C-alpha atoms as a PDB file:
ATOM      1  CA  UNK A   1      -0.497   0.016   9.168  1.00  0.00           C
ATOM      2  CA  UNK A   2       0.708   2.962  11.650  1.00  0.00           C
ATOM      3  CA  UNK A   3       2.626   3.386  14.558  1.00  0.00           C
ATOM      4  CA  UNK A   4       3.039   6.028  16.931  1.00  0.00           C
ATOM      5  CA  UNK A   5       5.862   7.016  19.118  1.00  0.00           C
ATOM      6  CA  UNK A   6       6.441   9.887  21.944  1.00  0.00           C
ATOM      7  CA  UNK A   7       8.295  12.702  20.889  1.00  0.00           C
ATOM      8  CA  UNK A   8      10.397  15.462  22.527  1.00  0.00           C
ATOM      9  CA  UNK A   9       8.425  18.672  22.756  1.00  0.00           C
ATOM     10  CA  UNK A  10       6.516  20.610  21.695  1.00  0.00           C
ATOM     11  CA  UNK A  11       4.943  17.915  19.844  1.00  0.00           C
ATOM     12  CA  UNK A  12       2.497  15.601  21.824  1.00  0.00           C
ATOM     13  CA  UNK A  13       2.808  12.298  19.493  1.00  0.00           C
ATOM     14  CA  UNK A  14       4.717  11.507  16.345  1.00  0.00           C
ATOM     15  CA  UNK A  15       2.842   9.136  13.668  1.00  0.00           C
ATOM     16  CA  UNK A  16       5.142   7.035  11.573  1.00  0.00           C
ATOM     17  CA  UNK A  17       4.146   5.607   8.019  1.00  0.00           C
ATOM     18  CA  UNK A  18       0.535   8.007   7.422  1.00  0.00           C
ATOM     19  CA  UNK A  19      -2.482   5.664   6.767  1.00  0.00           C
ATOM     20  CA  UNK A  20      -2.774   3.468   4.099  1.00  0.00           C
ATOM     21  CA  UNK A  21      -3.904   0.670   2.828  1.00  0.00           C
ATOM     22  CA  UNK A  22      -0.936  -0.366   2.294  1.00  0.00           C
ATOM     23  CA  UNK A  23      -0.893  -0.881   0.340  1.00  0.00           C
ATOM     24  CA  UNK A  24      -1.548  -2.647  -0.783  1.00  0.00           C
ATOM     25  CA  UNK A  25      -1.592   0.501  -2.932  1.00  0.00           C
ATOM     26  CA  UNK A  26       1.091   2.971  -1.627  1.00  0.00           C
ATOM     27  CA  UNK A  27       3.378   1.043  -0.081  1.00  0.00           C
ATOM     28  CA  UNK A  28       2.272  -1.879  -0.449  1.00  0.00           C
ATOM     29  CA  UNK A  29       3.929  -0.210  -3.488  1.00  0.00           C
ATOM     30  CA  UNK A  30       3.991  -0.641  -7.295  1.00  0.00           C
ATOM     31  CA  UNK A  31       5.753  -4.102  -6.720  1.00  0.00           C
ATOM     32  CA  UNK A  32       3.868  -5.096  -3.963  1.00  0.00           C
ATOM     33  CA  UNK A  33       0.253  -4.094  -4.839  1.00  0.00           C
ATOM     34  CA  UNK A  34      -2.023  -6.557  -6.638  1.00  0.00           C
ATOM     35  CA  UNK A  35      -3.633  -3.730  -8.706  1.00  0.00           C
ATOM     36  CA  UNK A  36      -0.947  -2.664 -10.617  1.00  0.00           C
ATOM     37  CA  UNK A  37       1.424  -5.900 -10.697  1.00  0.00           C
ATOM     38  CA  UNK A  38      -0.492  -7.552 -13.627  1.00  0.00           C
ATOM     39  CA  UNK A  39       0.210  -4.591 -16.017  1.00  0.00           C
ATOM     40  CA  UNK A  40       3.905  -4.225 -15.721  1.00  0.00           C
ATOM     41  CA  UNK A  41       4.653  -7.740 -16.106  1.00  0.00           C
ATOM     42  CA  UNK A  42       6.124  -9.230 -19.278  1.00  0.00           C
ATOM     43  CA  UNK A  43       4.704  -9.102 -22.208  1.00  0.00           C
ATOM     44  CA  UNK A  44       5.039 -13.308 -22.658  1.00  0.00           C
ATOM     45  CA  UNK A  45       3.053 -13.528 -19.200  1.00  0.00           C
ATOM     46  CA  UNK A  46       0.102 -11.494 -20.605  1.00  0.00           C
ATOM     47  CA  UNK A  47      -2.401 -14.178 -21.601  1.00  0.00           C
ATOM     48  CA  UNK A  48      -3.544 -13.447 -25.223  1.00  0.00           C
ATOM     49  CA  UNK A  49      -7.031 -15.129 -24.685  1.00  0.00           C
ATOM     50  CA  UNK A  50      -9.219 -15.303 -23.592  1.00  0.00           C
ATOM     51  CA  UNK A  51     -10.121 -11.511 -22.970  1.00  0.00           C
ATOM     52  CA  UNK A  52     -11.538 -11.429 -18.896  1.00  0.00           C
ATOM     53  CA  UNK A  53      -9.147 -12.561 -16.165  1.00  0.00           C
ATOM     54  CA  UNK A  54     -10.110 -12.459 -12.119  1.00  0.00           C
ATOM     55  CA  UNK A  55      -8.029 -12.780  -9.456  1.00  0.00           C
ATOM     56  CA  UNK A  56      -7.617 -13.494  -5.718  1.00  0.00           C
ATOM     57  CA  UNK A  57      -4.864 -11.920  -3.693  1.00  0.00           C
ATOM     58  CA  UNK A  58      -3.851 -11.749  -0.150  1.00  0.00           C
ATOM     59  CA  UNK A  59      -0.494 -10.252   1.688  1.00  0.00           C
ATOM     60  CA  UNK A  60       0.695  -9.418   4.794  1.00  0.00           C
ATOM     61  CA  UNK A  61       3.066  -6.946   5.882  1.00  0.00           C
ATOM     62  CA  UNK A  62       5.667  -6.721   9.258  1.00  0.00           C
ATOM     63  CA  UNK A  63       7.140  -3.614  10.738  1.00  0.00           C
ATOM     64  CA  UNK A  64      10.229  -4.088  12.534  1.00  0.00           C
ATOM     65  CA  UNK A  65       9.378  -3.520  16.386  1.00  0.00           C
ATOM     66  CA  UNK A  66       5.388  -2.647  15.040  1.00  0.00           C
ATOM     67  CA  UNK A  67       2.654  -3.904  14.154  1.00  0.00           C
ATOM     68  CA  UNK A  68       1.728  -6.499  11.255  1.00  0.00           C
ATOM     69  CA  UNK A  69      -1.269  -5.480   8.431  1.00  0.00           C
ATOM     70  CA  UNK A  70      -2.913  -7.961   6.222  1.00  0.00           C
ATOM     71  CA  UNK A  71      -4.968  -7.599   3.344  1.00  0.00           C
ATOM     72  CA  UNK A  72      -7.059  -9.619   0.718  1.00  0.00           C
ATOM     73  CA  UNK A  73      -8.632  -8.331  -2.589  1.00  0.00           C
ATOM     74  CA  UNK A  74     -11.103  -9.480  -5.548  1.00  0.00           C
ATOM     75  CA  UNK A  75     -10.623  -8.124  -9.002  1.00  0.00           C
ATOM     76  CA  UNK A  76     -11.931  -8.825 -12.271  1.00  0.00           C
ATOM     77  CA  UNK A  77     -10.035  -7.117 -15.247  1.00  0.00           C
ATOM     78  CA  UNK A  78     -10.943  -7.144 -18.832  1.00  0.00           C
ATOM     79  CA  UNK A  79      -8.147  -6.991 -21.798  1.00  0.00           C
ATOM     80  CA  UNK A  80      -8.794  -4.708 -24.836  1.00  0.00           C
ATOM     81  CA  UNK A  81      -6.134  -4.866 -27.222  1.00  0.00           C
ATOM     82  CA  UNK A  82      -2.574  -4.485 -25.464  1.00  0.00           C
ATOM     83  CA  UNK A  83      -4.463  -2.758 -22.809  1.00  0.00           C
ATOM     84  CA  UNK A  84      -6.755  -3.605 -19.809  1.00  0.00           C
ATOM     85  CA  UNK A  85      -9.301  -2.198 -17.750  1.00  0.00           C
ATOM     86  CA  UNK A  86      -9.434  -3.489 -13.980  1.00  0.00           C
ATOM     87  CA  UNK A  87     -12.170  -3.064 -10.854  1.00  0.00           C
ATOM     88  CA  UNK A  88     -10.901  -4.321  -7.597  1.00  0.00           C
ATOM     89  CA  UNK A  89     -12.407  -4.671  -4.179  1.00  0.00           C
ATOM     90  CA  UNK A  90      -9.714  -4.746  -1.112  1.00  0.00           C
ATOM     91  CA  UNK A  91     -10.206  -4.787   2.568  1.00  0.00           C
ATOM     92  CA  UNK A  92      -6.649  -3.842   4.527  1.00  0.00           C
ATOM     93  CA  UNK A  93      -6.354  -4.549   8.371  1.00  0.00           C
ATOM     94  CA  UNK A  94      -4.032  -2.635  10.216  1.00  0.00           C
ATOM     95  CA  UNK A  95      -2.995  -1.237  13.892  1.00  0.00           C
ATOM     96  CA  UNK A  96      -2.266   2.021  15.175  1.00  0.00           C
ATOM     97  CA  UNK A  97      -0.053   2.617  18.347  1.00  0.00           C
ATOM     98  CA  UNK A  98       0.042   5.560  19.916  1.00  0.00           C
ATOM     99  CA  UNK A  99       1.613   6.138  23.090  1.00  0.00           C
ATOM    100  CA  UNK A 100      -0.434   3.909  25.468  1.00  0.00           C
ATOM    101  CA  UNK A 101      -3.402   2.766  23.268  1.00  0.00           C
ATOM    102  CA  UNK A 102      -3.721   0.489  20.475  1.00  0.00           C
ATOM    103  CA  UNK A 103      -5.995   1.260  17.845  1.00  0.00           C
ATOM    104  CA  UNK A 104      -7.283  -1.146  14.825  1.00  0.00           C
ATOM    105  CA  UNK A 105      -8.523  -0.170  11.676  1.00  0.00           C
ATOM    106  CA  UNK A 106     -10.062  -1.809   8.672  1.00  0.00           C
ATOM    107  CA  UNK A 107     -10.041  -0.281   5.437  1.00  0.00           C
ATOM    108  CA  UNK A 108     -12.584  -1.282   2.642  1.00  0.00           C
ATOM    109  CA  UNK A 109     -11.550   0.577  -0.682  1.00  0.00           C
ATOM    110  CA  UNK A 110     -12.723  -0.259  -4.399  1.00  0.00           C
ATOM    111  CA  UNK A 111     -10.358   0.673  -7.453  1.00  0.00           C
ATOM    112  CA  UNK A 112     -10.534   1.150 -10.843  1.00  0.00           C
ATOM    113  CA  UNK A 113      -7.595   1.072 -13.149  1.00  0.00           C
ATOM    114  CA  UNK A 114      -6.478   0.774 -16.564  1.00  0.00           C
ATOM    115  CA  UNK A 115      -3.158   0.507 -18.409  1.00  0.00           C
ATOM    116  CA  UNK A 116      -1.426  -1.720 -20.863  1.00  0.00           C
ATOM    117  CA  UNK A 117       1.971  -3.002 -22.557  1.00  0.00           C
ATOM    118  CA  UNK A 118       2.114  -0.594 -25.590  1.00  0.00           C
ATOM    119  CA  UNK A 119       5.253  -1.728 -27.758  1.00  0.00           C
ATOM    120  CA  UNK A 120       6.727  -2.302 -24.684  1.00  0.00           C
ATOM    121  CA  UNK A 121       5.956   0.859 -22.905  1.00  0.00           C
ATOM    122  CA  UNK A 122       4.080   0.004 -19.913  1.00  0.00           C
ATOM    123  CA  UNK A 123       1.810   2.854 -18.129  1.00  0.00           C
ATOM    124  CA  UNK A 124      -1.127   2.318 -15.520  1.00  0.00           C
ATOM    125  CA  UNK A 125      -3.339   4.823 -13.799  1.00  0.00           C
ATOM    126  CA  UNK A 126      -5.793   4.076 -11.105  1.00  0.00           C
ATOM    127  CA  UNK A 127      -8.457   5.656  -8.748  1.00  0.00           C
ATOM    128  CA  UNK A 128      -9.709   4.330  -5.488  1.00  0.00           C
ATOM    129  CA  UNK A 129     -12.549   5.538  -2.781  1.00  0.00           C
ATOM    130  CA  UNK A 130     -13.443   3.478   0.464  1.00  0.00           C
ATOM    131  CA  UNK A 131     -13.691   3.770   4.035  1.00  0.00           C
ATOM    132  CA  UNK A 132     -11.603   3.011   7.199  1.00  0.00           C
ATOM    133  CA  UNK A 133     -13.464   1.936  10.107  1.00  0.00           C
ATOM    134  CA  UNK A 134     -12.038   2.365  13.538  1.00  0.00           C
ATOM    135  CA  UNK A 135     -11.873  -0.686  16.108  1.00  0.00           C
ATOM    136  CA  UNK A 136     -11.863  -0.977  19.766  1.00  0.00           C
ATOM    137  CA  UNK A 137      -9.242   1.523  21.543  1.00  0.00           C
ATOM    138  CA  UNK A 138      -6.924  -0.944  23.859  1.00  0.00           C
ATOM    139  CA  UNK A 139      -5.199   0.607  26.607  1.00  0.00           C
ATOM    140  CA  UNK A 140      -1.732  -0.753  27.830  1.00  0.00           C
ATOM    141  CA  UNK A 141      -1.467  -3.051  30.985  1.00  0.00           C
ATOM    142  CA  UNK A 142       0.942  -0.476  32.686  1.00  0.00           C
ATOM    143  CA  UNK A 143      -2.213   2.317  32.271  1.00  0.00           C
ATOM    144  CA  UNK A 144      -5.571  -0.128  33.666  1.00  0.00           C
ATOM    145  CA  UNK A 145      -5.973  -2.225  30.582  1.00  0.00           C
ATOM    146  CA  UNK A 146      -9.253  -2.608  28.475  1.00  0.00           C
ATOM    147  CA  UNK A 147     -10.776  -1.316  25.382  1.00  0.00           C
ATOM    148  CA  UNK A 148     -13.084   1.027  24.618  1.00  0.00           C
ATOM    149  CA  UNK A 149     -15.012   2.687  21.646  1.00  0.00           C
ATOM    150  CA  UNK A 150     -13.739   6.104  20.027  1.00  0.00           C
ATOM    151  CA  UNK A 151     -15.390   8.874  21.518  1.00  0.00           C
ATOM    152  CA  UNK A 152     -15.441  10.958  18.352  1.00  0.00           C
ATOM    153  CA  UNK A 153     -15.905   9.684  14.774  1.00  0.00           C
ATOM    154  CA  UNK A 154     -16.438   5.823  14.179  1.00  0.00           C
ATOM    155  CA  UNK A 155     -14.885   5.607  10.392  1.00  0.00           C
ATOM    156  CA  UNK A 156     -13.492   8.450   8.189  1.00  0.00           C
ATOM    157  CA  UNK A 157     -13.212   8.351   3.882  1.00  0.00           C
ATOM    158  CA  UNK A 158     -10.003   7.528   2.136  1.00  0.00           C
ATOM    159  CA  UNK A 159      -9.053   7.934  -1.410  1.00  0.00           C
ATOM    160  CA  UNK A 160      -5.870   7.776  -3.769  1.00  0.00           C
ATOM    161  CA  UNK A 161      -5.281   8.613  -7.517  1.00  0.00           C
ATOM    162  CA  UNK A 162      -1.787   7.414  -8.702  1.00  0.00           C
ATOM    163  CA  UNK A 163       0.038   6.311 -11.934  1.00  0.00           C
ATOM    164  CA  UNK A 164       3.217   4.599 -13.411  1.00  0.00           C
ATOM    165  CA  UNK A 165       4.814   4.746 -16.674  1.00  0.00           C
ATOM    166  CA  UNK A 166       8.127   2.878 -17.635  1.00  0.00           C
ATOM    167  CA  UNK A 167      10.013   0.697 -20.610  1.00  0.00           C
ATOM    168  CA  UNK A 168      10.537  -3.229 -20.729  1.00  0.00           C
ATOM    169  CA  UNK A 169      14.118  -3.770 -22.422  1.00  0.00           C
ATOM    170  CA  UNK A 170      14.750  -6.869 -24.003  1.00  0.00           C
ATOM    171  CA  UNK A 171      17.923  -8.083 -23.010  1.00  0.00           C
ATOM    172  CA  UNK A 172      18.193 -11.583 -24.909  1.00  0.00           C
ATOM    173  CA  UNK A 173      17.685 -15.080 -24.185  1.00  0.00           C
ATOM    174  CA  UNK A 174      14.433 -14.664 -21.945  1.00  0.00           C
ATOM    175  CA  UNK A 175      16.085 -11.443 -19.774  1.00  0.00           C
ATOM    176  CA  UNK A 176      14.178  -8.221 -19.410  1.00  0.00           C
ATOM    177  CA  UNK A 177      15.142  -4.901 -18.176  1.00  0.00           C
ATOM    178  CA  UNK A 178      12.097  -2.741 -16.492  1.00  0.00           C
ATOM    179  CA  UNK A 179      12.892   1.040 -15.029  1.00  0.00           C
ATOM    180  CA  UNK A 180       9.735   2.452 -13.873  1.00  0.00           C
ATOM    181  CA  UNK A 181       8.573   5.677 -12.637  1.00  0.00           C
ATOM    182  CA  UNK A 182       5.151   6.073 -10.455  1.00  0.00           C
ATOM    183  CA  UNK A 183       3.585   8.843  -8.311  1.00  0.00           C
ATOM    184  CA  UNK A 184       0.418   8.747  -6.527  1.00  0.00           C
ATOM    185  CA  UNK A 185      -1.962  10.899  -4.166  1.00  0.00           C
ATOM    186  CA  UNK A 186      -3.489   9.690  -1.278  1.00  0.00           C
ATOM    187  CA  UNK A 187      -6.096  11.310   1.475  1.00  0.00           C
ATOM    188  CA  UNK A 188      -7.277   9.865   4.667  1.00  0.00           C
ATOM    189  CA  UNK A 189      -7.791  10.594   8.345  1.00  0.00           C
ATOM    190  CA  UNK A 190      -6.020   9.267  11.743  1.00  0.00           C
ATOM    191  CA  UNK A 191      -8.120   8.825  14.544  1.00  0.00           C
ATOM    192  CA  UNK A 192      -5.586  10.204  18.050  1.00  0.00           C
ATOM    193  CA  UNK A 193      -7.249   8.655  20.831  1.00  0.00           C
ATOM    194  CA  UNK A 194      -7.140  11.030  23.482  1.00  0.00           C
ATOM    195  CA  UNK A 195      -4.583  10.479  27.216  1.00  0.00           C
ATOM    196  CA  UNK A 196      -6.505   7.287  29.434  1.00  0.00           C
ATOM    197  CA  UNK A 197      -8.857   8.933  31.466  1.00  0.00           C
ATOM    198  CA  UNK A 198      -8.233  12.770  30.403  1.00  0.00           C
ATOM    199  CA  UNK A 199     -12.157  12.717  29.671  1.00  0.00           C
ATOM    200  CA  UNK A 200     -11.515  14.427  26.121  1.00  0.00           C
ATOM    201  CA  UNK A 201     -12.864  13.554  22.647  1.00  0.00           C
ATOM    202  CA  UNK A 202     -10.899  11.143  20.201  1.00  0.00           C
ATOM    203  CA  UNK A 203      -9.203  13.977  17.710  1.00  0.00           C
ATOM    204  CA  UNK A 204      -9.224  13.299  13.873  1.00  0.00           C
ATOM    205  CA  UNK A 205      -6.417  14.256  11.541  1.00  0.00           C
ATOM    206  CA  UNK A 206      -6.118  14.738   8.165  1.00  0.00           C
ATOM    207  CA  UNK A 207      -3.435  13.045   6.569  1.00  0.00           C
ATOM    208  CA  UNK A 208      -2.587  14.152   2.592  1.00  0.00           C
ATOM    209  CA  UNK A 209       0.083  11.923   1.257  1.00  0.00           C
ATOM    210  CA  UNK A 210       2.113  12.146  -2.122  1.00  0.00           C
ATOM    211  CA  UNK A 211       4.209   9.621  -2.839  1.00  0.00           C
ATOM    212  CA  UNK A 212       6.386   8.698  -5.538  1.00  0.00           C
ATOM    213  CA  UNK A 213       8.838   6.207  -6.905  1.00  0.00           C
ATOM    214  CA  UNK A 214      11.594   5.063  -9.036  1.00  0.00           C
ATOM    215  CA  UNK A 215      12.334   1.155  -9.879  1.00  0.00           C
ATOM    216  CA  UNK A 216      14.439  -0.851 -11.740  1.00  0.00           C
ATOM    217  CA  UNK A 217      13.555  -4.920 -12.518  1.00  0.00           C
ATOM    218  CA  UNK A 218      14.791  -7.495 -14.181  1.00  0.00           C
ATOM    219  CA  UNK A 219      12.900 -10.632 -14.764  1.00  0.00           C
ATOM    220  CA  UNK A 220      13.402 -13.753 -16.531  1.00  0.00           C
ATOM    221  CA  UNK A 221      11.048 -15.732 -18.766  1.00  0.00           C
ATOM    222  CA  UNK A 222      10.848 -19.518 -19.084  1.00  0.00           C
ATOM    223  CA  UNK A 223       9.858 -22.507 -19.889  1.00  0.00           C
ATOM    224  CA  UNK A 224       6.734 -22.876 -23.030  1.00  0.00           C
ATOM    225  CA  UNK A 225       6.312 -19.577 -24.602  1.00  0.00           C
ATOM    226  CA  UNK A 226       7.668 -17.802 -21.809  1.00  0.00           C
ATOM    227  CA  UNK A 227       4.970 -18.607 -19.565  1.00  0.00           C
ATOM    228  CA  UNK A 228       6.774 -18.550 -16.334  1.00  0.00           C
ATOM    229  CA  UNK A 229       9.164 -15.590 -15.103  1.00  0.00           C
ATOM    230  CA  UNK A 230      11.022 -14.707 -12.106  1.00  0.00           C
ATOM    231  CA  UNK A 231      12.562 -11.410 -11.215  1.00  0.00           C
ATOM    232  CA  UNK A 232      14.131  -8.912  -8.594  1.00  0.00           C
ATOM    233  CA  UNK A 233      13.841  -5.003  -8.274  1.00  0.00           C
ATOM    234  CA  UNK A 234      15.279  -2.106  -6.161  1.00  0.00           C
ATOM    235  CA  UNK A 235      13.483   0.707  -5.917  1.00  0.00           C
ATOM    236  CA  UNK A 236      13.743   4.868  -3.950  1.00  0.00           C
ATOM    237  CA  UNK A 237      11.015   5.567  -2.410  1.00  0.00           C
ATOM    238  CA  UNK A 238       9.344   9.087  -1.390  1.00  0.00           C
ATOM    239  CA  UNK A 239       6.892  10.335   0.494  1.00  0.00           C
ATOM    240  CA  UNK A 240       5.516  13.352   2.021  1.00  0.00           C
ATOM    241  CA  UNK A 241       4.239  12.155   5.146  1.00  0.00           C
ATOM    242  CA  UNK A 242       6.208   9.437   6.579  1.00  0.00           C
ATOM    243  CA  UNK A 243       6.136  10.656   9.798  1.00  0.00           C
ATOM    244  CA  UNK A 244       3.538  13.130  11.472  1.00  0.00           C
ATOM    245  CA  UNK A 245       3.145  14.989  14.626  1.00  0.00           C
ATOM    246  CA  UNK A 246       0.435  16.286  16.350  1.00  0.00           C
ATOM    247  CA  UNK A 247       1.182  19.602  17.497  1.00  0.00           C
ATOM    248  CA  UNK A 248      -0.806  22.335  19.367  1.00  0.00           C
ATOM    249  CA  UNK A 249      -0.737  25.600  17.858  1.00  0.00           C
ATOM    250  CA  UNK A 250      -2.450  28.972  18.374  1.00  0.00           C
ATOM    251  CA  UNK A 251      -5.061  29.339  15.932  1.00  0.00           C
ATOM    252  CA  UNK A 252      -7.954  31.711  15.049  1.00  0.00           C
ATOM    253  CA  UNK A 253     -10.476  30.712  17.892  1.00  0.00           C
ATOM    254  CA  UNK A 254      -7.628  30.001  20.451  1.00  0.00           C
ATOM    255  CA  UNK A 255      -5.154  26.764  20.667  1.00  0.00           C
ATOM    256  CA  UNK A 256      -5.792  24.174  17.860  1.00  0.00           C
ATOM    257  CA  UNK A 257      -4.328  20.586  17.795  1.00  0.00           C
ATOM    258  CA  UNK A 258      -3.427  19.417  14.330  1.00  0.00           C
ATOM    259  CA  UNK A 259      -0.597  17.233  12.156  1.00  0.00           C
ATOM    260  CA  UNK A 260       2.567  18.511  11.239  1.00  0.00           C
ATOM    261  CA  UNK A 261       3.974  16.070   8.039  1.00  0.00           C
ATOM    262  CA  UNK A 262       7.529  14.967   8.315  1.00  0.00           C
ATOM    263  CA  UNK A 263       8.770  13.466   4.604  1.00  0.00           C
ATOM    264  CA  UNK A 264      10.960  10.506   4.366  1.00  0.00           C
ATOM    265  CA  UNK A 265      12.496   8.637   1.849  1.00  0.00           C
ATOM    266  CA  UNK A 266      13.618   4.999   1.810  1.00  0.00           C
ATOM    267  CA  UNK A 267      14.728   2.014  -0.643  1.00  0.00           C
ATOM    268  CA  UNK A 268      13.187  -1.270  -1.124  1.00  0.00           C
ATOM    269  CA  UNK A 269      14.104  -4.502  -2.711  1.00  0.00           C
ATOM    270  CA  UNK A 270      11.726  -6.717  -4.073  1.00  0.00           C
ATOM    271  CA  UNK A 271      11.351 -10.555  -5.691  1.00  0.00           C
ATOM    272  CA  UNK A 272       8.753 -11.785  -7.961  1.00  0.00           C
ATOM    273  CA  UNK A 273       6.973 -14.663  -9.705  1.00  0.00           C
ATOM    274  CA  UNK A 274       4.547 -15.881 -11.844  1.00  0.00           C
ATOM    275  CA  UNK A 275       3.958 -19.474 -12.737  1.00  0.00           C
ATOM    276  CA  UNK A 276       1.295 -20.958 -15.110  1.00  0.00           C
ATOM    277  CA  UNK A 277      -0.180 -23.728 -13.004  1.00  0.00           C
ATOM    278  CA  UNK A 278      -3.020 -24.923 -16.092  1.00  0.00           C
ATOM    279  CA  UNK A 279      -5.042 -23.655 -18.470  1.00  0.00           C
ATOM    280  CA  UNK A 280      -5.337 -20.089 -18.281  1.00  0.00           C
ATOM    281  CA  UNK A 281      -4.504 -20.232 -14.339  1.00  0.00           C
ATOM    282  CA  UNK A 282      -1.665 -18.648 -13.014  1.00  0.00           C
ATOM    283  CA  UNK A 283      -0.011 -17.913  -9.595  1.00  0.00           C
ATOM    284  CA  UNK A 284       1.999 -14.694  -8.675  1.00  0.00           C
ATOM    285  CA  UNK A 285       4.014 -14.013  -5.424  1.00  0.00           C
ATOM    286  CA  UNK A 286       5.977 -11.372  -4.303  1.00  0.00           C
ATOM    287  CA  UNK A 287       8.323 -10.364  -1.586  1.00  0.00           C
ATOM    288  CA  UNK A 288       9.702  -7.051  -0.253  1.00  0.00           C
ATOM    289  CA  UNK A 289      11.751  -5.506   2.118  1.00  0.00           C
ATOM    290  CA  UNK A 290      12.187  -1.718   3.234  1.00  0.00           C
ATOM    291  CA  UNK A 291      15.464   0.017   4.202  1.00  0.00           C
ATOM    292  CA  UNK A 292      15.730   2.928   6.207  1.00  0.00           C
ATOM    293  CA  UNK A 293      11.958   3.962   6.940  1.00  0.00           C
ATOM    294  CA  UNK A 294      12.442   6.181   9.639  1.00  0.00           C
ATOM    295  CA  UNK A 295       8.992   4.554  10.841  1.00  0.00           C
ATOM    296  CA  UNK A 296      10.678   0.998  10.898  1.00  0.00           C
ATOM    297  CA  UNK A 297      11.525  -1.016   8.036  1.00  0.00           C
ATOM    298  CA  UNK A 298       8.604  -3.399   6.399  1.00  0.00           C
ATOM    299  CA  UNK A 299       8.965  -7.271   5.634  1.00  0.00           C
ATOM    300  CA  UNK A 300       5.774  -7.846   2.858  1.00  0.00           C
ATOM    301  CA  UNK A 301       4.727 -11.082   1.112  1.00  0.00           C
ATOM    302  CA  UNK A 302       1.742 -11.637  -1.085  1.00  0.00           C
ATOM    303  CA  UNK A 303       0.312 -14.096  -3.625  1.00  0.00           C
ATOM    304  CA  UNK A 304      -2.977 -13.527  -6.717  1.00  0.00           C
ATOM    305  CA  UNK A 305      -4.405 -16.390  -7.967  1.00  0.00           C
ATOM    306  CA  UNK A 306      -5.454 -15.585 -11.287  1.00  0.00           C
ATOM    307  CA  UNK A 307      -7.930 -17.455 -13.897  1.00  0.00           C
ATOM    308  CA  UNK A 308      -8.488 -16.174 -17.394  1.00  0.00           C
ATOM    309  CA  UNK A 309     -11.960 -17.277 -18.859  1.00  0.00           C
END
C-alpha cells in the first residue's frame, strides 16, 4: 500500500512507503506475516502430528489519512522433524495516491519458505516472486474526475528474499520470551501516472527496498498441554525506501526521471493469539500498530485458520 504527497522543489512527487504486498510480507512484518508467524510460535503450539497443515489467511491494513489495503492467502506446510517447508499463494490489494490521482494495484505473489524450532532456536527463510497488476487510474473530482487505463506498463514483476532468527526463552509458568532479528530485500516497480491532461506516457520507476527488524515478544501458553497461547510484541523497524521522490535529473541523453529513496525507522506494537478449535484445527489472530512512520502510521489485523492432516 503506497501513498504519494506533493513535495517542495526540486522533487516532483513524493512516495510514502515503497511498494510491498505488505506484507503481508515486508511490513505486514514478521508478526503480521502469515508466511512467517507459524514457525516462530511456541514449541507447544506446533502440532506433533500429523505432518501436513493447510491454512487460509486474510487481513486488512489501514493507514492514517491514507488508503487501506487487504490481502488473502492459501498455504500448505510439510513438517520435517523440528523443521518445515511451506508453499503459499497470496493476493494483495492496495491503492497508490499521487497528487490528484488514485491508482489501485493487485499483487499476486507465490512464496516458498523453510525453517523451524531447533532446541528453542527459531529460524525461517523465504523467497517470493509475483506480479503487480495496475488498475484504472482515477482522477480527483477537482480535476475532472473519471478514470483511465495506464498509457504505459499494465503490470510489473515483484520478488523478495528474507530470513529471521531468534531464541525462545522459557520463563516458567507457561511464559516464553522470544527475541528475533529479521532482514529482507524486495524489488518491485511503481507506476507514476502522468499529470492529468499532459498527454505524457505514464512512467514506471524501480523501487528496490532493504528492510530490517528487531523484535521482542512474550507469550503465555495455556490450556491442555499448552495448546493455546496469547502474546504481545514490540519491535524496531528500518527500511531503505520508506519515502521516495520522483525527481528530474540530467543524464547522458538529456534530462531523466527516476526515484530518490529515503530511509525510515519506526516502532511497532502487536498482539497475537492462537487457539485450538478442535481436532487438528487452529485459529491464529494478530493485530499491529506502527508508531513513527513518515508515511503515516498503519493499523493492521488478520487471521489464519489452520488444519493439520
